[in-house]
Amino acid sequence: MSAGVDTTPEPRPAADGPSGDEGALPAPGALRPPPIPGQATRRPGSSKALTIGAVCKQLEREFPDISISKIRYLEDQKLLSPRRTPGGYRLYSAREVNRLRTILRLQRDEFLPLRVIRQELAAGRADASASESQAPDPRTLRRATVSVSERAEARYTLANVLEETGAEASLVRELEDFGVIKGRQQEGELTYDETEREIVRAASELARFGVGGRNLRVFRTSADREAALLEQILAPSLRSRNPERRREAVETLENLATVASHLKHLLLVHDLRRLAPG
């Protein structure tokens, strides 16, 4: 061996995986790249990562309107960063699932647009509040998520609705008579979708104070007018032949519906303050 010659073998670079692959393991002896700030890494004994379908199933009880397309949209908006397998499948860590839960909660309970949610997450305030919250009782009254995306929708018989909401059958019939809900015949039996089930649940709460289906027509009329306004704004895009443009229009429609609901809530609070004793 000649003196002064360095024969120390150089480390071999990691084998290149598919584009965007965050899950490929480096070749033996390869140098591992430094971790990206804020990126979760798998450690022995850590919780198992979930596929996007498993995440959707895990959260659907708390957020009935969640869908795979909605999760993908949040990823497109840079709010979620799941890692990818060599085959291109998304894998969500427990931290990403909690982050998704926080985003959905802020949309549902706080009516926050995605721009504000992104700021809340960046500041760490949303993550802190989410860690202190507990999952709600699925039988209690909950505010519906504003989601209009097409998806497979569960149907519920009258018996199912009465059992889950605690409402009286007479109230459901009254809501139908005044056009608040409208069931659909399926296999010879009248059934209701998830939104109608939650309408019955809310109406049941109001019925405790003597509010009947006749009184709720004002909500039906108001909702019809708001829907007509949003349709007027986005009708051309919603009917576009371009799938990407239609998808963007649906997401815009959901965001506008969220803002409109928040505005209606603020106007109601403003008027009710006159009734509260000073």
Protein backbone atom coordinates (compact mmCIF):
# COMPACT_ATOMS: atom_id res chain seq x y z
CA MET A 1 0.00 0.00 0.00
CA SER A 2 1.48 3.32 -1.05
CA ALA A 3 2.03 5.88 1.67
CA GLY A 4 -0.12 8.97 1.64
CA VAL A 5 -2.88 7.37 -0.39
CA ASP A 6 -6.31 7.47 1.31
CA THR A 7 -8.00 4.13 0.73
CA THR A 8 -11.00 4.79 2.94
CA PRO A 9 -14.08 3.80 0.91
CA GLU A 10 -16.54 6.60 0.21
CA PRO A 11 -20.10 6.12 1.43
CA ARG A 12 -22.42 4.99 -1.32
CA PRO A 13 -25.34 7.33 -2.09
CA ALA A 14 -28.86 6.16 -1.34
CA ALA A 15 -30.64 4.40 -4.15
CA ASP A 16 -33.02 6.66 -6.00
CA GLY A 17 -36.66 5.73 -5.59
CA PRO A 18 -39.74 6.84 -7.49
CA SER A 19 -40.33 10.58 -7.74
CA GLY A 20 -41.88 11.93 -4.56
CA ASP A 21 -41.13 8.70 -2.64
CA GLU A 22 -40.60 9.49 1.02
CA GLY A 23 -40.76 5.92 2.19
CA ALA A 24 -37.81 4.32 0.34
CA LEU A 25 -35.03 3.01 2.55
CA PRO A 26 -31.43 4.03 1.76
CA ALA A 27 -29.03 1.40 0.49
CA PRO A 28 -26.81 -0.33 3.06
CA GLY A 29 -24.07 2.00 4.24
CA ALA A 30 -25.68 5.05 2.68
CA LEU A 31 -25.71 8.40 4.39
CA ARG A 32 -29.14 9.36 5.66
CA PRO A 33 -30.23 12.89 4.73
CA PRO A 34 -30.95 15.25 7.61
CA PRO A 35 -34.63 15.31 8.66
CA ILE A 36 -36.78 18.04 7.18
CA PRO A 37 -37.91 20.48 9.90
CA GLY A 38 -41.46 19.73 11.02
CA GLN A 39 -41.56 16.38 9.23
CA ALA A 40 -42.55 13.38 11.32
CA THR A 41 -40.22 10.37 11.21
CA ARG A 42 -41.05 6.79 11.98
CA ARG A 43 -39.40 5.26 15.03
CA PRO A 44 -39.53 1.70 16.32
CA GLY A 45 -42.63 1.28 18.45
CA SER A 46 -44.40 4.32 16.94
CA SER A 47 -48.05 4.07 15.91
CA LYS A 48 -48.75 2.49 12.55
CA ALA A 49 -49.29 4.83 9.59
CA LEU A 50 -52.74 4.74 7.97
CA THR A 51 -53.82 4.80 4.35
CA ILE A 52 -56.14 7.58 3.21
CA GLY A 53 -59.09 5.19 3.20
CA ALA A 54 -58.36 4.09 6.78
CA VAL A 55 -58.09 7.73 7.87
CA CYS A 56 -61.43 8.52 6.27
CA LYS A 57 -63.07 5.57 8.03
CA GLN A 58 -61.51 6.49 11.38
CA LEU A 59 -62.86 10.05 11.28
CA GLU A 60 -66.24 9.53 9.60
CA ARG A 61 -68.10 9.08 12.88
CA GLU A 62 -66.94 12.46 14.19
CA PHE A 63 -67.09 14.11 10.74
CA PRO A 64 -69.85 12.37 8.71
CA ASP A 65 -69.19 14.47 5.60
CA ILE A 66 -65.51 13.58 5.30
CA SER A 67 -64.44 11.99 2.02
CA ILE A 68 -61.23 10.88 0.33
CA SER A 69 -61.54 13.68 -2.22
CA LYS A 70 -61.78 16.25 0.59
CA ILE A 71 -58.61 14.92 2.24
CA ARG A 72 -56.80 15.04 -1.10
CA TYR A 73 -57.94 18.63 -1.60
CA LEU A 74 -56.52 19.63 1.79
CA GLU A 75 -53.25 18.02 0.72
CA ASP A 76 -53.34 20.02 -2.54
CA GLN A 77 -53.75 23.15 -0.41
CA LYS A 78 -50.53 22.24 1.47
CA LEU A 79 -52.39 21.71 4.75
CA LEU A 80 -51.42 18.02 4.94
CA SER A 81 -48.16 16.32 4.02
CA PRO A 82 -48.53 12.52 4.13
CA ARG A 83 -45.52 10.47 3.12
CA ARG A 84 -45.66 8.23 0.07
CA THR A 85 -44.82 4.55 -0.38
CA PRO A 86 -42.69 3.44 -3.34
CA GLY A 87 -45.98 2.59 -5.06
CA GLY A 88 -47.29 6.12 -4.57
CA TYR A 89 -49.79 5.38 -1.77
CA ARG A 90 -50.32 8.02 0.91
CA LEU A 91 -49.51 7.08 4.50
CA TYR A 92 -50.70 9.26 7.38
CA SER A 93 -48.96 9.29 10.73
CA ALA A 94 -50.84 9.85 13.98
CA ARG A 95 -49.62 13.45 13.91
CA GLU A 96 -51.06 13.99 10.42
CA VAL A 97 -54.39 12.45 11.47
CA ASN A 98 -54.56 14.79 14.46
CA ARG A 99 -53.74 17.71 12.19
CA LEU A 100 -56.54 16.68 9.83
CA ARG A 101 -58.95 16.40 12.77
CA THR A 102 -58.01 19.93 13.83
CA ILE A 103 -58.61 21.30 10.32
CA LEU A 104 -62.03 19.65 10.10
CA ARG A 105 -62.98 20.88 13.57
CA LEU A 106 -62.02 24.47 12.74
CA GLN A 107 -64.09 24.29 9.56
CA ARG A 108 -67.11 22.82 11.31
CA ASP A 109 -67.13 24.62 14.65
CA GLU A 110 -65.39 27.93 13.92
CA PHE A 111 -66.44 28.44 10.27
CA LEU A 112 -62.84 29.37 9.45
CA PRO A 113 -61.74 29.51 5.80
CA LEU A 114 -58.66 27.51 4.81
CA ARG A 115 -56.49 30.62 4.64
CA VAL A 116 -57.13 31.38 8.31
CA ILE A 117 -56.78 27.71 9.30
CA ARG A 118 -53.35 27.65 7.65
CA GLN A 119 -52.33 30.65 9.76
CA GLU A 120 -53.66 29.04 12.93
CA LEU A 121 -51.72 25.85 12.26
CA ALA A 122 -48.53 27.76 11.48
CA ALA A 123 -48.84 29.65 14.77
CA GLY A 124 -49.40 26.43 16.71
CA ARG A 125 -52.56 27.73 18.36
CA ALA A 126 -54.86 25.25 16.64
CA ASP A 127 -52.69 22.24 17.56
CA ALA A 128 -52.66 23.31 21.20
CA SER A 129 -56.42 23.67 21.41
CA ALA A 130 -56.97 20.36 19.59
CA SER A 131 -54.86 18.45 22.12
CA GLU A 132 -57.08 19.75 24.93
CA SER A 133 -60.37 18.84 23.25
CA GLN A 134 -62.16 15.52 23.49
CA ALA A 135 -64.12 13.66 20.85
CA PRO A 136 -67.83 14.57 21.02
CA ASP A 137 -70.59 12.13 21.81
CA PRO A 138 -71.96 11.03 18.40
CA ARG A 139 -75.52 11.03 19.80
CA THR A 140 -75.41 14.70 20.77
CA LEU A 141 -76.45 17.54 18.53
CA ARG A 142 -73.57 18.51 16.26
CA ARG A 143 -73.08 21.21 13.67
CA ALA A 144 -73.00 19.81 10.15
CA THR A 145 -69.87 20.22 8.08
CA VAL A 146 -70.47 22.23 4.91
CA SER A 147 -69.70 19.60 2.27
CA VAL A 148 -71.53 19.18 -1.01
CA SER A 149 -69.09 16.87 -2.80
CA GLU A 150 -70.61 13.84 -4.49
CA ARG A 151 -70.01 10.61 -2.61
CA ALA A 152 -71.72 7.37 -1.60
CA GLU A 153 -74.35 8.44 0.92
CA ALA A 154 -75.77 6.31 3.70
CA ARG A 155 -79.54 6.03 3.99
CA TYR A 156 -81.51 5.63 7.21
CA THR A 157 -84.97 4.23 7.78
CA LEU A 158 -87.49 6.07 9.93
CA ALA A 159 -86.79 3.62 12.75
CA ASN A 160 -83.06 4.38 12.50
CA VAL A 161 -83.65 8.13 12.60
CA LEU A 162 -85.98 7.92 15.60
CA GLU A 163 -83.55 5.68 17.50
CA GLU A 164 -80.49 7.86 16.86
CA THR A 165 -82.13 11.26 17.39
CA GLY A 166 -84.72 10.48 20.06
CA ALA A 167 -87.35 12.35 18.01
CA GLU A 168 -91.04 11.48 17.82
CA ALA A 169 -92.44 10.00 14.62
CA SER A 170 -95.08 12.75 14.58
CA LEU A 171 -92.31 15.38 14.39
CA VAL A 172 -90.72 13.69 11.36
CA ARG A 173 -94.09 13.60 9.60
CA GLU A 174 -94.64 17.27 10.43
CA LEU A 175 -91.21 18.20 9.02
CA GLU A 176 -92.14 16.37 5.81
CA ASP A 177 -95.57 18.04 5.61
CA PHE A 178 -93.99 21.50 5.74
CA GLY A 179 -91.16 20.70 3.32
CA VAL A 180 -88.33 20.88 5.84
CA ILE A 181 -87.15 17.37 4.89
CA LYS A 182 -88.12 15.00 2.13
CA GLY A 183 -87.50 11.27 2.41
CA ARG A 184 -86.81 8.98 -0.55
CA GLN A 185 -88.30 5.61 -1.32
CA GLN A 186 -85.68 2.86 -1.33
CA GLU A 187 -86.62 -0.80 -1.64
CA GLY A 188 -90.22 0.00 -0.73
CA GLU A 189 -89.30 1.92 2.43
CA LEU A 190 -88.98 5.64 3.11
CA THR A 191 -85.35 6.54 3.91
CA TYR A 192 -83.42 9.69 4.84
CA ASP A 193 -79.84 10.84 4.26
CA GLU A 194 -77.37 11.97 6.93
CA THR A 195 -78.20 15.65 6.58
CA GLU A 196 -81.92 15.00 7.00
CA ARG A 197 -81.17 12.88 10.06
CA GLU A 198 -79.28 15.81 11.61
CA ILE A 199 -82.13 18.17 10.69
CA VAL A 200 -84.48 15.91 12.63
CA ARG A 201 -82.05 15.92 15.55
CA ALA A 202 -81.95 19.74 15.59
CA ALA A 203 -85.72 20.01 15.19
CA SER A 204 -86.14 17.62 18.11
CA GLU A 205 -84.10 19.97 20.30
CA LEU A 206 -86.25 22.93 19.27
CA ALA A 207 -89.43 20.92 19.80
CA ARG A 208 -88.63 20.81 23.53
CA PHE A 209 -89.37 24.55 23.53
CA GLY A 210 -92.60 24.29 21.59
CA VAL A 211 -91.10 24.94 18.13
CA GLY A 212 -92.88 22.78 15.54
CA GLY A 213 -92.46 22.00 11.89
CA ARG A 214 -94.70 24.93 10.90
CA ASN A 215 -92.30 27.34 12.64
CA LEU A 216 -89.29 25.84 10.86
CA ARG A 217 -90.53 26.80 7.40
CA VAL A 218 -88.72 30.12 7.82
CA PHE A 219 -85.40 28.20 7.97
CA ARG A 220 -86.33 26.23 4.84
CA THR A 221 -87.20 29.41 2.94
CA SER A 222 -83.98 31.12 4.05
CA ALA A 223 -81.86 28.12 3.01
CA ASP A 224 -83.52 27.98 -0.41
CA ARG A 225 -82.75 31.66 -1.02
CA GLU A 226 -79.11 31.30 0.07
CA ALA A 227 -78.64 28.24 -2.14
CA ALA A 228 -80.11 30.13 -5.10
CA LEU A 229 -77.68 33.02 -4.52
CA LEU A 230 -74.62 30.73 -4.42
CA GLU A 231 -75.85 28.87 -7.49
CA GLN A 232 -76.14 32.17 -9.35
CA ILE A 233 -72.52 32.98 -8.48
CA LEU A 234 -70.99 29.62 -9.45
CA ALA A 235 -73.44 28.06 -11.95
CA PRO A 236 -71.16 28.40 -15.02
CA SER A 237 -68.20 26.74 -13.28
CA LEU A 238 -70.32 24.00 -11.73
CA ARG A 239 -71.62 23.07 -15.19
CA SER A 240 -68.23 23.26 -16.88
CA ARG A 241 -67.04 20.30 -18.96
CA ASN A 242 -63.59 20.66 -17.40
CA PRO A 243 -63.39 18.26 -14.40
CA GLU A 244 -60.71 20.37 -12.70
CA ARG A 245 -62.82 23.51 -13.00
CA ARG A 246 -65.87 21.69 -11.61
CA ARG A 247 -63.83 20.41 -8.67
CA GLU A 248 -62.55 23.89 -7.90
CA ALA A 249 -66.09 25.25 -8.16
CA VAL A 250 -67.37 22.68 -5.67
CA GLU A 251 -64.62 23.58 -3.19
CA THR A 252 -65.40 27.28 -3.67
CA LEU A 253 -69.08 26.54 -3.13
CA GLU A 254 -68.30 24.81 0.16
CA ASN A 255 -66.15 27.72 1.32
CA LEU A 256 -68.82 30.26 0.36
CA ALA A 257 -71.44 28.20 2.18
CA THR A 258 -69.25 28.23 5.27
CA VAL A 259 -68.85 32.01 5.11
CA ALA A 260 -72.59 32.47 4.49
CA SER A 261 -73.42 30.28 7.49
CA HIS A 262 -71.03 32.26 9.65
CA LEU A 263 -72.56 35.55 8.47
CA LYS A 264 -76.05 34.30 9.28
CA HIS A 265 -74.86 33.23 12.71
CA LEU A 266 -73.35 36.68 13.37
CA LEU A 267 -76.51 38.46 12.27
CA LEU A 268 -78.59 36.28 14.55
CA VAL A 269 -76.28 36.89 17.50
CA HIS A 270 -76.39 40.64 16.78
CA ASP A 271 -80.20 40.66 16.92
CA LEU A 272 -80.44 38.38 19.97
CA ARG A 273 -78.19 40.66 22.00
CA ARG A 274 -81.10 43.09 22.12
CA LEU A 275 -83.10 40.50 24.02
CA ALA A 276 -80.44 39.80 26.64
CA PRO A 277 -80.63 41.90 29.81
CA GLY A 278 -77.93 44.53 30.01
